Amino acid sequence: MAATGSVRATSALNVKPSQLNLSSKLPLPPPFSVTPLCRRSANSHRRTLVLVRAGLDAKPTVLVAEKLGEAGLTLLKDFANIDCSYNLSPEELCTKISLCDALIVRSGTKVTREVFESSGGRLKVVGRAGVGIDNVDLAAATEHGCLVVNAPTANTVAAAEHGIALLTAMARNIAQADASVKAGEFAVALILAS
């Protein structure tokens, strides 16, 4: 009888639970639904069976494996259940990933084939908070149907500022002046010559 109720609830969405993922835009059922089933028995007494079914959790679970800004975490908390677990060993990451729909990393966490295999197919997206994706096994991600995204313009301003600072340091002989001061000299000519 309980199986019939769950089949009825699933068919109301016209989708199998295994087809739901992070990009599903389906109207999800409420957390609990109550379905009264009334039947007449052979002796004409009315029997009522009430099925209570727990609905699907509407929010995906996101594992944040490295520190992110508080504003980003606040934004994520509106759309997902957040698990902030920093400095995980590869074994701990493989253990936790089976409970997560998404993973957010920076450059310190290696997302290897073992991580994708440990997810059991639940992991749908790996977000790299930064430019490169060299710490993610792209072949394994593709094989397991996992999307890998990054933020290619995340440090554009910082890189530009650093470039200007290096040009200024070179134009003013900062490295040479620093070396002369550390050597106990003060080569004024180096500093003033520029």
C-alpha atoms as a PDB file:
ATOM      1  CA  MET A   1       0.000   0.000   0.000  1.00  0.00           C
ATOM      2  CA  ALA A   2       2.801   2.438   0.847  1.00  0.00           C
ATOM      3  CA  ALA A   3       4.487   1.700  -2.451  1.00  0.00           C
ATOM      4  CA  THR A   4       1.304   2.672  -4.297  1.00  0.00           C
ATOM      5  CA  GLY A   5       1.230   6.039  -2.527  1.00  0.00           C
ATOM      6  CA  SER A   6       4.836   6.788  -3.406  1.00  0.00           C
ATOM      7  CA  VAL A   7       4.322   5.787  -7.029  1.00  0.00           C
ATOM      8  CA  ARG A   8       1.264   8.035  -7.197  1.00  0.00           C
ATOM      9  CA  ALA A   9       3.226  10.966  -5.727  1.00  0.00           C
ATOM     10  CA  THR A  10       6.130  10.452  -8.121  1.00  0.00           C
ATOM     11  CA  SER A  11       3.893  10.136 -11.154  1.00  0.00           C
ATOM     12  CA  ALA A  12       2.194  13.412 -10.200  1.00  0.00           C
ATOM     13  CA  LEU A  13       5.505  15.085 -11.030  1.00  0.00           C
ATOM     14  CA  ASN A  14       5.930  12.900 -14.148  1.00  0.00           C
ATOM     15  CA  VAL A  15       9.524  12.290 -13.198  1.00  0.00           C
ATOM     16  CA  LYS A  16      11.517   9.591 -11.471  1.00  0.00           C
ATOM     17  CA  PRO A  17      13.433  10.661  -8.339  1.00  0.00           C
ATOM     18  CA  SER A  18      16.683   9.620 -10.041  1.00  0.00           C
ATOM     19  CA  GLN A  19      16.044  12.231 -12.761  1.00  0.00           C
ATOM     20  CA  LEU A  20      16.031  15.165 -10.338  1.00  0.00           C
ATOM     21  CA  ASN A  21      19.229  17.173 -10.133  1.00  0.00           C
ATOM     22  CA  LEU A  22      20.502  20.687  -9.461  1.00  0.00           C
ATOM     23  CA  SER A  23      19.101  22.040 -12.720  1.00  0.00           C
ATOM     24  CA  SER A  24      15.597  20.628 -12.226  1.00  0.00           C
ATOM     25  CA  LYS A  25      12.951  23.331 -12.540  1.00  0.00           C
ATOM     26  CA  LEU A  26      10.067  21.131 -11.414  1.00  0.00           C
ATOM     27  CA  PRO A  27       7.343  22.079  -8.964  1.00  0.00           C
ATOM     28  CA  LEU A  28       8.423  20.096  -5.954  1.00  0.00           C
ATOM     29  CA  PRO A  29       5.896  18.703  -3.501  1.00  0.00           C
ATOM     30  CA  PRO A  30       5.587  20.154   0.007  1.00  0.00           C
ATOM     31  CA  PRO A  31       7.797  18.584   2.680  1.00  0.00           C
ATOM     32  CA  PHE A  32       4.925  16.368   3.839  1.00  0.00           C
ATOM     33  CA  SER A  33       1.798  15.225   2.083  1.00  0.00           C
ATOM     34  CA  VAL A  34      -1.114  13.373   3.541  1.00  0.00           C
ATOM     35  CA  THR A  35      -3.187  11.074   1.325  1.00  0.00           C
ATOM     36  CA  PRO A  36      -6.328   9.510   2.783  1.00  0.00           C
ATOM     37  CA  LEU A  37      -7.307   6.262   1.068  1.00  0.00           C
ATOM     38  CA  CYS A  38     -10.866   5.107   1.797  1.00  0.00           C
ATOM     39  CA  ARG A  39     -11.880   1.503   1.067  1.00  0.00           C
ATOM     40  CA  ARG A  40     -14.871  -0.564   1.787  1.00  0.00           C
ATOM     41  CA  SER A  41     -14.179  -3.972   3.212  1.00  0.00           C
ATOM     42  CA  ALA A  42     -16.269  -7.092   2.653  1.00  0.00           C
ATOM     43  CA  ASN A  43     -18.410  -6.398   5.728  1.00  0.00           C
ATOM     44  CA  SER A  44     -19.273  -2.848   4.490  1.00  0.00           C
ATOM     45  CA  HIS A  45     -17.238  -1.061   7.111  1.00  0.00           C
ATOM     46  CA  ARG A  46     -15.286   1.909   5.881  1.00  0.00           C
ATOM     47  CA  ARG A  47     -11.562   1.746   6.501  1.00  0.00           C
ATOM     48  CA  THR A  48      -9.334   4.737   6.126  1.00  0.00           C
ATOM     49  CA  LEU A  49      -5.631   4.490   5.659  1.00  0.00           C
ATOM     50  CA  VAL A  50      -3.659   7.700   5.871  1.00  0.00           C
ATOM     51  CA  LEU A  51      -0.344   7.791   4.042  1.00  0.00           C
ATOM     52  CA  VAL A  52       2.153  10.368   5.202  1.00  0.00           C
ATOM     53  CA  ARG A  53       5.002  10.857   2.786  1.00  0.00           C
ATOM     54  CA  ALA A  54       8.085  12.946   3.298  1.00  0.00           C
ATOM     55  CA  GLY A  55       8.793  15.037   0.227  1.00  0.00           C
ATOM     56  CA  LEU A  56      12.075  15.630  -1.517  1.00  0.00           C
ATOM     57  CA  ASP A  57      14.424  18.169   0.026  1.00  0.00           C
ATOM     58  CA  ALA A  58      14.082  21.170  -2.263  1.00  0.00           C
ATOM     59  CA  LYS A  59      17.563  22.471  -1.485  1.00  0.00           C
ATOM     60  CA  PRO A  60      20.706  20.770  -2.794  1.00  0.00           C
ATOM     61  CA  THR A  61      23.662  20.190  -0.493  1.00  0.00           C
ATOM     62  CA  VAL A  62      26.850  22.101  -1.312  1.00  0.00           C
ATOM     63  CA  LEU A  63      30.204  21.188   0.210  1.00  0.00           C
ATOM     64  CA  VAL A  64      32.487  24.219   0.509  1.00  0.00           C
ATOM     65  CA  ALA A  65      35.963  22.717   0.889  1.00  0.00           C
ATOM     66  CA  GLU A  66      37.946  25.966   1.199  1.00  0.00           C
ATOM     67  CA  LYS A  67      37.297  29.391   2.700  1.00  0.00           C
ATOM     68  CA  LEU A  68      35.034  31.709   0.734  1.00  0.00           C
ATOM     69  CA  GLY A  69      33.920  35.242   1.439  1.00  0.00           C
ATOM     70  CA  GLU A  70      31.036  35.636   3.876  1.00  0.00           C
ATOM     71  CA  ALA A  71      28.913  37.400   1.240  1.00  0.00           C
ATOM     72  CA  GLY A  72      29.216  34.386  -1.060  1.00  0.00           C
ATOM     73  CA  LEU A  73      28.277  31.959   1.699  1.00  0.00           C
ATOM     74  CA  THR A  74      25.267  34.079   2.640  1.00  0.00           C
ATOM     75  CA  LEU A  75      24.072  34.049  -0.956  1.00  0.00           C
ATOM     76  CA  LEU A  76      24.525  30.277  -1.171  1.00  0.00           C
ATOM     77  CA  LYS A  77      22.569  29.679   2.044  1.00  0.00           C
ATOM     78  CA  ASP A  78      19.436  31.081   0.383  1.00  0.00           C
ATOM     79  CA  PHE A  79      19.535  28.369  -2.283  1.00  0.00           C
ATOM     80  CA  ALA A  80      21.282  25.373  -0.735  1.00  0.00           C
ATOM     81  CA  ASN A  81      22.226  23.528   2.413  1.00  0.00           C
ATOM     82  CA  ILE A  82      25.856  24.513   2.997  1.00  0.00           C
ATOM     83  CA  ASP A  83      28.507  22.290   4.583  1.00  0.00           C
ATOM     84  CA  CYS A  84      31.689  24.309   5.201  1.00  0.00           C
ATOM     85  CA  SER A  85      34.398  21.729   5.877  1.00  0.00           C
ATOM     86  CA  TYR A  86      37.873  23.139   5.390  1.00  0.00           C
ATOM     87  CA  ASN A  87      41.262  21.394   5.166  1.00  0.00           C
ATOM     88  CA  LEU A  88      39.807  17.967   4.378  1.00  0.00           C
ATOM     89  CA  SER A  89      42.196  15.131   3.642  1.00  0.00           C
ATOM     90  CA  PRO A  90      41.541  13.279   0.344  1.00  0.00           C
ATOM     91  CA  GLU A  91      39.982  10.421   2.332  1.00  0.00           C
ATOM     92  CA  GLU A  92      37.670  12.770   4.262  1.00  0.00           C
ATOM     93  CA  LEU A  93      36.645  14.491   1.013  1.00  0.00           C
ATOM     94  CA  CYS A  94      35.783  11.129  -0.560  1.00  0.00           C
ATOM     95  CA  THR A  95      33.682  10.246   2.493  1.00  0.00           C
ATOM     96  CA  LYS A  96      31.748  13.544   2.580  1.00  0.00           C
ATOM     97  CA  ILE A  97      31.173  13.883  -1.166  1.00  0.00           C
ATOM     98  CA  SER A  98      28.629  11.052  -1.313  1.00  0.00           C
ATOM     99  CA  LEU A  99      26.217  13.312   0.615  1.00  0.00           C
ATOM    100  CA  CYS A 100      26.648  16.367  -1.630  1.00  0.00           C
ATOM    101  CA  ASP A 101      25.191  17.632  -4.900  1.00  0.00           C
ATOM    102  CA  ALA A 102      27.842  20.303  -5.496  1.00  0.00           C
ATOM    103  CA  LEU A 103      31.412  21.045  -4.447  1.00  0.00           C
ATOM    104  CA  ILE A 104      33.136  24.434  -4.261  1.00  0.00           C
ATOM    105  CA  VAL A 105      36.941  24.512  -4.133  1.00  0.00           C
ATOM    106  CA  ARG A 106      39.797  26.948  -4.608  1.00  0.00           C
ATOM    107  CA  SER A 107      43.323  25.882  -5.566  1.00  0.00           C
ATOM    108  CA  GLY A 108      44.168  23.819  -2.469  1.00  0.00           C
ATOM    109  CA  THR A 109      41.724  20.933  -2.941  1.00  0.00           C
ATOM    110  CA  LYS A 110      42.417  18.295  -5.580  1.00  0.00           C
ATOM    111  CA  VAL A 111      39.227  16.887  -7.087  1.00  0.00           C
ATOM    112  CA  THR A 112      40.446  13.528  -8.361  1.00  0.00           C
ATOM    113  CA  ARG A 113      38.836  10.542 -10.054  1.00  0.00           C
ATOM    114  CA  GLU A 114      38.422   8.960  -6.607  1.00  0.00           C
ATOM    115  CA  VAL A 115      36.267  11.905  -5.507  1.00  0.00           C
ATOM    116  CA  PHE A 116      33.929  11.474  -8.487  1.00  0.00           C
ATOM    117  CA  GLU A 117      33.752   7.717  -7.971  1.00  0.00           C
ATOM    118  CA  SER A 118      33.018   8.195  -4.252  1.00  0.00           C
ATOM    119  CA  SER A 119      30.118  10.531  -5.046  1.00  0.00           C
ATOM    120  CA  GLY A 120      28.095   7.635  -6.419  1.00  0.00           C
ATOM    121  CA  GLY A 121      26.748   9.844  -9.205  1.00  0.00           C
ATOM    122  CA  ARG A 122      25.218  12.399  -6.827  1.00  0.00           C
ATOM    123  CA  LEU A 123      27.835  15.112  -7.478  1.00  0.00           C
ATOM    124  CA  LYS A 124      26.502  17.252 -10.337  1.00  0.00           C
ATOM    125  CA  VAL A 125      28.744  20.337 -10.338  1.00  0.00           C
ATOM    126  CA  VAL A 126      32.205  21.350  -9.159  1.00  0.00           C
ATOM    127  CA  GLY A 127      32.698  25.095  -8.811  1.00  0.00           C
ATOM    128  CA  ARG A 128      36.254  26.418  -8.836  1.00  0.00           C
ATOM    129  CA  ALA A 129      36.388  29.779  -7.062  1.00  0.00           C
ATOM    130  CA  GLY A 130      39.199  31.141  -9.199  1.00  0.00           C
ATOM    131  CA  VAL A 131      40.690  31.113 -12.671  1.00  0.00           C
ATOM    132  CA  GLY A 132      42.197  27.701 -13.421  1.00  0.00           C
ATOM    133  CA  ILE A 133      40.738  24.221 -13.261  1.00  0.00           C
ATOM    134  CA  ASP A 134      44.011  22.311 -13.158  1.00  0.00           C
ATOM    135  CA  ASN A 135      43.121  20.810  -9.752  1.00  0.00           C
ATOM    136  CA  VAL A 136      40.009  19.064 -11.160  1.00  0.00           C
ATOM    137  CA  ASP A 137      40.184  15.798 -13.128  1.00  0.00           C
ATOM    138  CA  LEU A 138      38.129  16.878 -16.154  1.00  0.00           C
ATOM    139  CA  ALA A 139      38.105  13.445 -17.790  1.00  0.00           C
ATOM    140  CA  ALA A 140      36.658  11.856 -14.647  1.00  0.00           C
ATOM    141  CA  ALA A 141      34.128  14.683 -14.301  1.00  0.00           C
ATOM    142  CA  THR A 142      32.949  14.126 -17.883  1.00  0.00           C
ATOM    143  CA  GLU A 143      32.691  10.366 -17.376  1.00  0.00           C
ATOM    144  CA  HIS A 144      30.539  10.878 -14.284  1.00  0.00           C
ATOM    145  CA  GLY A 145      28.314  13.543 -15.882  1.00  0.00           C
ATOM    146  CA  CYS A 146      29.564  16.308 -13.615  1.00  0.00           C
ATOM    147  CA  LEU A 147      29.751  19.920 -14.745  1.00  0.00           C
ATOM    148  CA  VAL A 148      32.943  21.844 -13.886  1.00  0.00           C
ATOM    149  CA  VAL A 149      32.763  25.643 -13.762  1.00  0.00           C
ATOM    150  CA  ASN A 150      35.216  28.357 -12.760  1.00  0.00           C
ATOM    151  CA  ALA A 151      35.368  32.119 -12.315  1.00  0.00           C
ATOM    152  CA  PRO A 152      37.764  33.237 -15.068  1.00  0.00           C
ATOM    153  CA  THR A 153      37.595  36.942 -14.227  1.00  0.00           C
ATOM    154  CA  ALA A 154      37.731  36.543 -10.445  1.00  0.00           C
ATOM    155  CA  ASN A 155      41.167  38.106  -9.996  1.00  0.00           C
ATOM    156  CA  THR A 156      41.340  40.455 -12.978  1.00  0.00           C
ATOM    157  CA  VAL A 157      41.596  43.607 -10.849  1.00  0.00           C
ATOM    158  CA  ALA A 158      44.198  42.077  -8.514  1.00  0.00           C
ATOM    159  CA  ALA A 159      46.315  40.933 -11.476  1.00  0.00           C
ATOM    160  CA  ALA A 160      46.163  44.410 -13.041  1.00  0.00           C
ATOM    161  CA  GLU A 161      47.140  46.070  -9.747  1.00  0.00           C
ATOM    162  CA  HIS A 162      50.037  43.652  -9.336  1.00  0.00           C
ATOM    163  CA  GLY A 163      51.226  44.359 -12.891  1.00  0.00           C
ATOM    164  CA  ILE A 164      51.222  48.134 -12.277  1.00  0.00           C
ATOM    165  CA  ALA A 165      53.063  47.644  -8.960  1.00  0.00           C
ATOM    166  CA  LEU A 166      55.763  45.568 -10.691  1.00  0.00           C
ATOM    167  CA  LEU A 167      56.181  48.192 -13.429  1.00  0.00           C
ATOM    168  CA  THR A 168      56.511  50.933 -10.810  1.00  0.00           C
ATOM    169  CA  ALA A 169      59.016  48.883  -8.791  1.00  0.00           C
ATOM    170  CA  MET A 170      61.102  48.281 -11.899  1.00  0.00           C
ATOM    171  CA  ALA A 171      61.006  51.949 -12.931  1.00  0.00           C
ATOM    172  CA  ARG A 172      62.098  53.110  -9.450  1.00  0.00           C
ATOM    173  CA  ASN A 173      64.773  50.389  -8.863  1.00  0.00           C
ATOM    174  CA  ILE A 174      62.965  49.197  -5.734  1.00  0.00           C
ATOM    175  CA  ALA A 175      64.567  45.724  -5.711  1.00  0.00           C
ATOM    176  CA  GLN A 176      68.101  47.130  -5.979  1.00  0.00           C
ATOM    177  CA  ALA A 177      67.470  49.784  -3.308  1.00  0.00           C
ATOM    178  CA  ASP A 178      66.021  47.122  -0.982  1.00  0.00           C
ATOM    179  CA  ALA A 179      69.070  44.891  -1.484  1.00  0.00           C
ATOM    180  CA  SER A 180      71.476  47.778  -0.760  1.00  0.00           C
ATOM    181  CA  VAL A 181      69.667  48.681   2.485  1.00  0.00           C
ATOM    182  CA  LYS A 182      69.679  45.031   3.603  1.00  0.00           C
ATOM    183  CA  ALA A 183      73.424  44.891   2.878  1.00  0.00           C
ATOM    184  CA  GLY A 184      73.954  47.794   5.295  1.00  0.00           C
ATOM    185  CA  GLU A 185      74.502  50.359   2.575  1.00  0.00           C
ATOM    186  CA  PHE A 186      72.292  53.144   1.432  1.00  0.00           C
ATOM    187  CA  ALA A 187      72.940  53.679  -2.260  1.00  0.00           C
ATOM    188  CA  VAL A 188      71.273  57.034  -2.752  1.00  0.00           C
ATOM    189  CA  ALA A 189      72.404  57.079  -6.364  1.00  0.00           C
ATOM    190  CA  LEU A 190      70.270  54.003  -7.079  1.00  0.00           C
ATOM    191  CA  ILE A 191      67.181  55.610  -5.657  1.00  0.00           C
ATOM    192  CA  LEU A 192      67.692  59.092  -7.056  1.00  0.00           C
ATOM    193  CA  ALA A 193      68.920  57.911 -10.457  1.00  0.00           C
ATOM    194  CA  SER A 194      65.491  56.738 -11.391  1.00  0.00           C
END
